[in-house]
Amino acid sequence: MQNYELLYILPAKYADTEIDGLRAKVAGMIEAAGAKVTRNESLGKIKLAYIIKKQQHGTYVLVHFSAETPVIAVLDRQFRLSDEILRHMIVDLVPSQEKAVVQIQSYVAPLSEEARDLPRRPTGTPTLTTAPRAAAPAAAAEVAPSMSMAELDKKLDEILEVEA
């Protein structure tokens, strides 16, 4: 048997008591297919990144289970045909993630009002880089004094005359 992770989204129209009933129903579907559920956890109700089946909010549920490989196709089909499940995803469970604490956050568009209220990283915090940056050429590092448009045109004409 191989370990799998299932994450599915239930519509926000269900109350918390109904969510528990649906979690039990999905766990029953998994066990009826011949798998063994090892974790069944509700991650909470959040705003979705985009509307799914006319729903803006959903309750995320995480399930870990052990099953044979052919069972996954059967479960995937059952979940796609289910009216209670908005979206689902079944992936192989990484052994190091079995006991991991999972938290979810709703999507916040980068330029939205909500994003302005989020805490920002301090400006002095280094960013992740893959390779060290090359030193800038000395000529590029020098800052030219500001010129008027007339002086700039004159200098450009001199450069073009020399090249011609």
C-alpha atoms as a PDB file:
ATOM      1  CA  MET A   1       0.000   0.000   0.000  1.00  0.00           C
ATOM      2  CA  GLN A   2       1.125   3.503  -0.768  1.00  0.00           C
ATOM      3  CA  ASN A   3       0.382   6.679   1.203  1.00  0.00           C
ATOM      4  CA  TYR A   4      -1.625   9.475  -0.444  1.00  0.00           C
ATOM      5  CA  GLU A   5      -2.817  12.948   0.446  1.00  0.00           C
ATOM      6  CA  LEU A   6      -6.232  14.267  -0.570  1.00  0.00           C
ATOM      7  CA  LEU A   7      -7.150  17.938  -0.332  1.00  0.00           C
ATOM      8  CA  TYR A   8     -10.707  18.862  -1.228  1.00  0.00           C
ATOM      9  CA  ILE A   9     -12.892  21.963  -1.029  1.00  0.00           C
ATOM     10  CA  LEU A  10     -16.493  21.960   0.179  1.00  0.00           C
ATOM     11  CA  PRO A  11     -18.877  24.849  -0.623  1.00  0.00           C
ATOM     12  CA  ALA A  12     -19.467  27.508   2.030  1.00  0.00           C
ATOM     13  CA  LYS A  13     -23.203  26.836   1.960  1.00  0.00           C
ATOM     14  CA  TYR A  14     -22.723  24.014   4.478  1.00  0.00           C
ATOM     15  CA  ALA A  15     -22.747  24.671   8.243  1.00  0.00           C
ATOM     16  CA  ASP A  16     -19.994  23.292  10.474  1.00  0.00           C
ATOM     17  CA  THR A  17     -22.151  20.341  11.561  1.00  0.00           C
ATOM     18  CA  GLU A  18     -22.856  19.499   7.925  1.00  0.00           C
ATOM     19  CA  ILE A  19     -19.139  19.764   7.143  1.00  0.00           C
ATOM     20  CA  ASP A  20     -18.430  17.082   9.762  1.00  0.00           C
ATOM     21  CA  GLY A  21     -21.054  14.862   8.147  1.00  0.00           C
ATOM     22  CA  LEU A  22     -19.535  15.387   4.687  1.00  0.00           C
ATOM     23  CA  ARG A  23     -16.045  14.647   6.040  1.00  0.00           C
ATOM     24  CA  ALA A  24     -17.386  11.357   7.425  1.00  0.00           C
ATOM     25  CA  LYS A  25     -19.085  10.629   4.077  1.00  0.00           C
ATOM     26  CA  VAL A  26     -15.854  11.203   2.114  1.00  0.00           C
ATOM     27  CA  ALA A  27     -13.898   9.084   4.620  1.00  0.00           C
ATOM     28  CA  GLY A  28     -16.531   6.374   4.132  1.00  0.00           C
ATOM     29  CA  MET A  29     -16.081   6.594   0.343  1.00  0.00           C
ATOM     30  CA  ILE A  30     -12.323   6.169   0.774  1.00  0.00           C
ATOM     31  CA  GLU A  31     -12.689   3.196   3.115  1.00  0.00           C
ATOM     32  CA  ALA A  32     -15.349   1.594   0.897  1.00  0.00           C
ATOM     33  CA  ALA A  33     -12.847   1.673  -1.972  1.00  0.00           C
ATOM     34  CA  GLY A  34     -10.433  -0.388   0.134  1.00  0.00           C
ATOM     35  CA  ALA A  35      -8.202   2.311   1.598  1.00  0.00           C
ATOM     36  CA  LYS A  36      -7.368   3.166   5.198  1.00  0.00           C
ATOM     37  CA  VAL A  37      -7.764   6.777   6.401  1.00  0.00           C
ATOM     38  CA  THR A  38      -4.974   7.913   8.734  1.00  0.00           C
ATOM     39  CA  ARG A  39      -5.783  11.646   9.002  1.00  0.00           C
ATOM     40  CA  ASN A  40      -8.991  13.584   8.364  1.00  0.00           C
ATOM     41  CA  GLU A  41      -8.646  17.260   9.255  1.00  0.00           C
ATOM     42  CA  SER A  42     -10.694  20.352   8.428  1.00  0.00           C
ATOM     43  CA  LEU A  43      -8.383  23.275   7.626  1.00  0.00           C
ATOM     44  CA  GLY A  44     -11.047  25.946   7.796  1.00  0.00           C
ATOM     45  CA  LYS A  45     -13.190  28.167   5.620  1.00  0.00           C
ATOM     46  CA  ILE A  46     -11.473  30.791   3.472  1.00  0.00           C
ATOM     47  CA  LYS A  47     -12.082  32.958   0.421  1.00  0.00           C
ATOM     48  CA  LEU A  48     -11.184  31.201  -2.827  1.00  0.00           C
ATOM     49  CA  ALA A  49      -8.756  32.734  -5.319  1.00  0.00           C
ATOM     50  CA  TYR A  50     -11.482  32.616  -7.971  1.00  0.00           C
ATOM     51  CA  ILE A  51     -15.154  31.648  -8.131  1.00  0.00           C
ATOM     52  CA  ILE A  52     -15.772  27.903  -8.446  1.00  0.00           C
ATOM     53  CA  LYS A  53     -19.306  26.746  -9.276  1.00  0.00           C
ATOM     54  CA  LYS A  54     -20.691  30.133  -8.172  1.00  0.00           C
ATOM     55  CA  GLN A  55     -18.973  29.867  -4.769  1.00  0.00           C
ATOM     56  CA  GLN A  56     -16.586  32.516  -3.402  1.00  0.00           C
ATOM     57  CA  HIS A  57     -15.717  30.736  -0.136  1.00  0.00           C
ATOM     58  CA  GLY A  58     -14.951  27.134   0.671  1.00  0.00           C
ATOM     59  CA  THR A  59     -13.945  24.798   3.469  1.00  0.00           C
ATOM     60  CA  TYR A  60     -10.678  22.962   2.892  1.00  0.00           C
ATOM     61  CA  VAL A  61     -10.330  19.393   4.183  1.00  0.00           C
ATOM     62  CA  LEU A  62      -7.089  17.402   4.282  1.00  0.00           C
ATOM     63  CA  VAL A  63      -7.106  13.594   4.295  1.00  0.00           C
ATOM     64  CA  HIS A  64      -4.145  11.205   4.472  1.00  0.00           C
ATOM     65  CA  PHE A  65      -4.818   7.604   3.525  1.00  0.00           C
ATOM     66  CA  SER A  66      -3.122   4.374   2.454  1.00  0.00           C
ATOM     67  CA  ALA A  67      -4.348   2.591  -0.657  1.00  0.00           C
ATOM     68  CA  GLU A  68      -3.363   0.476  -3.598  1.00  0.00           C
ATOM     69  CA  THR A  69      -2.670   2.370  -6.824  1.00  0.00           C
ATOM     70  CA  PRO A  70      -5.810   1.275  -8.776  1.00  0.00           C
ATOM     71  CA  VAL A  71      -8.033   2.659  -5.991  1.00  0.00           C
ATOM     72  CA  ILE A  72      -6.890   6.220  -6.792  1.00  0.00           C
ATOM     73  CA  ALA A  73      -8.592   6.222 -10.201  1.00  0.00           C
ATOM     74  CA  VAL A  74     -11.838   5.011  -8.632  1.00  0.00           C
ATOM     75  CA  LEU A  75     -11.727   7.663  -5.905  1.00  0.00           C
ATOM     76  CA  ASP A  76     -10.834  10.402  -8.385  1.00  0.00           C
ATOM     77  CA  ARG A  77     -13.873   9.550 -10.486  1.00  0.00           C
ATOM     78  CA  GLN A  78     -16.170   9.457  -7.450  1.00  0.00           C
ATOM     79  CA  PHE A  79     -14.945  12.858  -6.265  1.00  0.00           C
ATOM     80  CA  ARG A  80     -15.365  14.411  -9.722  1.00  0.00           C
ATOM     81  CA  LEU A  81     -18.951  13.181  -9.874  1.00  0.00           C
ATOM     82  CA  SER A  82     -19.794  14.304  -6.340  1.00  0.00           C
ATOM     83  CA  ASP A  83     -21.927  17.445  -6.068  1.00  0.00           C
ATOM     84  CA  GLU A  84     -20.634  18.258  -2.576  1.00  0.00           C
ATOM     85  CA  ILE A  85     -16.974  18.630  -3.584  1.00  0.00           C
ATOM     86  CA  LEU A  86     -15.955  21.762  -5.496  1.00  0.00           C
ATOM     87  CA  ARG A  87     -12.369  20.689  -6.238  1.00  0.00           C
ATOM     88  CA  HIS A  88     -10.056  17.913  -5.121  1.00  0.00           C
ATOM     89  CA  MET A  89      -6.475  16.788  -5.585  1.00  0.00           C
ATOM     90  CA  ILE A  90      -4.863  13.461  -4.746  1.00  0.00           C
ATOM     91  CA  VAL A  91      -1.050  13.325  -4.575  1.00  0.00           C
ATOM     92  CA  ASP A  92       1.593  10.975  -3.211  1.00  0.00           C
ATOM     93  CA  LEU A  93       2.295  11.705   0.436  1.00  0.00           C
ATOM     94  CA  VAL A  94       5.883  12.651   1.180  1.00  0.00           C
ATOM     95  CA  PRO A  95       6.956  10.767   4.337  1.00  0.00           C
ATOM     96  CA  SER A  96       8.271  13.931   5.982  1.00  0.00           C
ATOM     97  CA  GLN A  97       4.846  15.603   5.602  1.00  0.00           C
ATOM     98  CA  GLU A  98       2.807  12.989   7.471  1.00  0.00           C
ATOM     99  CA  LYS A  99       2.895  14.844  10.783  1.00  0.00           C
ATOM    100  CA  ALA A 100       3.270  18.376   9.405  1.00  0.00           C
ATOM    101  CA  VAL A 101       0.941  21.096  10.640  1.00  0.00           C
ATOM    102  CA  VAL A 102      -0.974  22.552   7.698  1.00  0.00           C
ATOM    103  CA  GLN A 103      -2.306  26.095   7.621  1.00  0.00           C
ATOM    104  CA  ILE A 104      -3.996  27.812   4.715  1.00  0.00           C
ATOM    105  CA  GLN A 105      -4.454  31.471   3.866  1.00  0.00           C
ATOM    106  CA  SER A 106      -6.826  33.053   1.419  1.00  0.00           C
ATOM    107  CA  TYR A 107      -5.412  34.519  -1.772  1.00  0.00           C
ATOM    108  CA  VAL A 108      -4.747  38.254  -1.670  1.00  0.00           C
ATOM    109  CA  ALA A 109      -4.145  40.066  -4.951  1.00  0.00           C
ATOM    110  CA  PRO A 110      -0.828  41.935  -4.807  1.00  0.00           C
ATOM    111  CA  LEU A 111      -2.249  45.391  -5.562  1.00  0.00           C
ATOM    112  CA  SER A 112      -5.529  45.090  -3.647  1.00  0.00           C
ATOM    113  CA  GLU A 113      -6.597  47.043  -0.555  1.00  0.00           C
ATOM    114  CA  GLU A 114      -6.116  43.919   1.579  1.00  0.00           C
ATOM    115  CA  ALA A 115      -2.501  43.556   0.417  1.00  0.00           C
ATOM    116  CA  ARG A 116      -1.680  47.061   1.639  1.00  0.00           C
ATOM    117  CA  ASP A 117      -2.668  46.055   5.187  1.00  0.00           C
ATOM    118  CA  LEU A 118      -0.434  42.953   5.242  1.00  0.00           C
ATOM    119  CA  PRO A 119       2.893  43.179   7.092  1.00  0.00           C
ATOM    120  CA  ARG A 120       5.767  43.803   4.741  1.00  0.00           C
ATOM    121  CA  ARG A 121       9.286  42.474   4.858  1.00  0.00           C
ATOM    122  CA  PRO A 122      11.756  45.025   6.234  1.00  0.00           C
ATOM    123  CA  THR A 123      13.839  46.700   3.556  1.00  0.00           C
ATOM    124  CA  GLY A 124      17.078  45.520   5.141  1.00  0.00           C
ATOM    125  CA  THR A 125      16.070  41.859   4.882  1.00  0.00           C
ATOM    126  CA  PRO A 126      18.199  40.046   2.307  1.00  0.00           C
ATOM    127  CA  THR A 127      16.471  38.288  -0.539  1.00  0.00           C
ATOM    128  CA  LEU A 128      17.257  34.800  -1.774  1.00  0.00           C
ATOM    129  CA  THR A 129      19.665  34.805  -4.693  1.00  0.00           C
ATOM    130  CA  THR A 130      20.984  31.867  -6.647  1.00  0.00           C
ATOM    131  CA  ALA A 131      24.346  33.333  -7.683  1.00  0.00           C
ATOM    132  CA  PRO A 132      26.437  36.241  -6.477  1.00  0.00           C
ATOM    133  CA  ARG A 133      26.057  39.379  -8.502  1.00  0.00           C
ATOM    134  CA  ALA A 134      28.977  40.619 -10.580  1.00  0.00           C
ATOM    135  CA  ALA A 135      30.476  43.956  -9.655  1.00  0.00           C
ATOM    136  CA  ALA A 136      29.174  46.845 -11.729  1.00  0.00           C
ATOM    137  CA  PRO A 137      31.665  48.424 -14.165  1.00  0.00           C
ATOM    138  CA  ALA A 138      33.392  51.507 -12.794  1.00  0.00           C
ATOM    139  CA  ALA A 139      32.075  53.737 -15.602  1.00  0.00           C
ATOM    140  CA  ALA A 140      28.488  52.753 -14.849  1.00  0.00           C
ATOM    141  CA  ALA A 141      28.943  53.452 -11.154  1.00  0.00           C
ATOM    142  CA  GLU A 142      29.859  57.090 -11.781  1.00  0.00           C
ATOM    143  CA  VAL A 143      26.873  59.374 -11.858  1.00  0.00           C
ATOM    144  CA  ALA A 144      27.001  62.055 -14.519  1.00  0.00           C
ATOM    145  CA  PRO A 145      26.061  65.565 -13.374  1.00  0.00           C
ATOM    146  CA  SER A 146      22.654  66.706 -14.553  1.00  0.00           C
ATOM    147  CA  MET A 147      22.662  68.571 -17.875  1.00  0.00           C
ATOM    148  CA  SER A 148      20.209  70.784 -19.617  1.00  0.00           C
ATOM    149  CA  MET A 149      18.654  69.618 -22.847  1.00  0.00           C
ATOM    150  CA  ALA A 150      20.786  72.037 -24.871  1.00  0.00           C
ATOM    151  CA  GLU A 151      24.009  70.703 -23.324  1.00  0.00           C
ATOM    152  CA  LEU A 152      22.866  67.141 -23.896  1.00  0.00           C
ATOM    153  CA  ASP A 153      22.099  67.831 -27.582  1.00  0.00           C
ATOM    154  CA  LYS A 154      25.504  69.475 -28.039  1.00  0.00           C
ATOM    155  CA  LYS A 155      27.305  66.510 -26.442  1.00  0.00           C
ATOM    156  CA  LEU A 156      25.331  64.046 -28.582  1.00  0.00           C
ATOM    157  CA  ASP A 157      26.224  65.963 -31.750  1.00  0.00           C
ATOM    158  CA  GLU A 158      29.942  65.868 -30.794  1.00  0.00           C
ATOM    159  CA  ILE A 159      29.797  62.098 -30.273  1.00  0.00           C
ATOM    160  CA  LEU A 160      28.026  61.525 -33.593  1.00  0.00           C
ATOM    161  CA  GLU A 161      30.523  63.744 -35.491  1.00  0.00           C
ATOM    162  CA  VAL A 162      33.475  61.808 -34.071  1.00  0.00           C
ATOM    163  CA  GLU A 163      31.956  58.459 -35.128  1.00  0.00           C
ATOM    164  CA  ALA A 164      31.126  59.680 -38.656  1.00  0.00           C
END
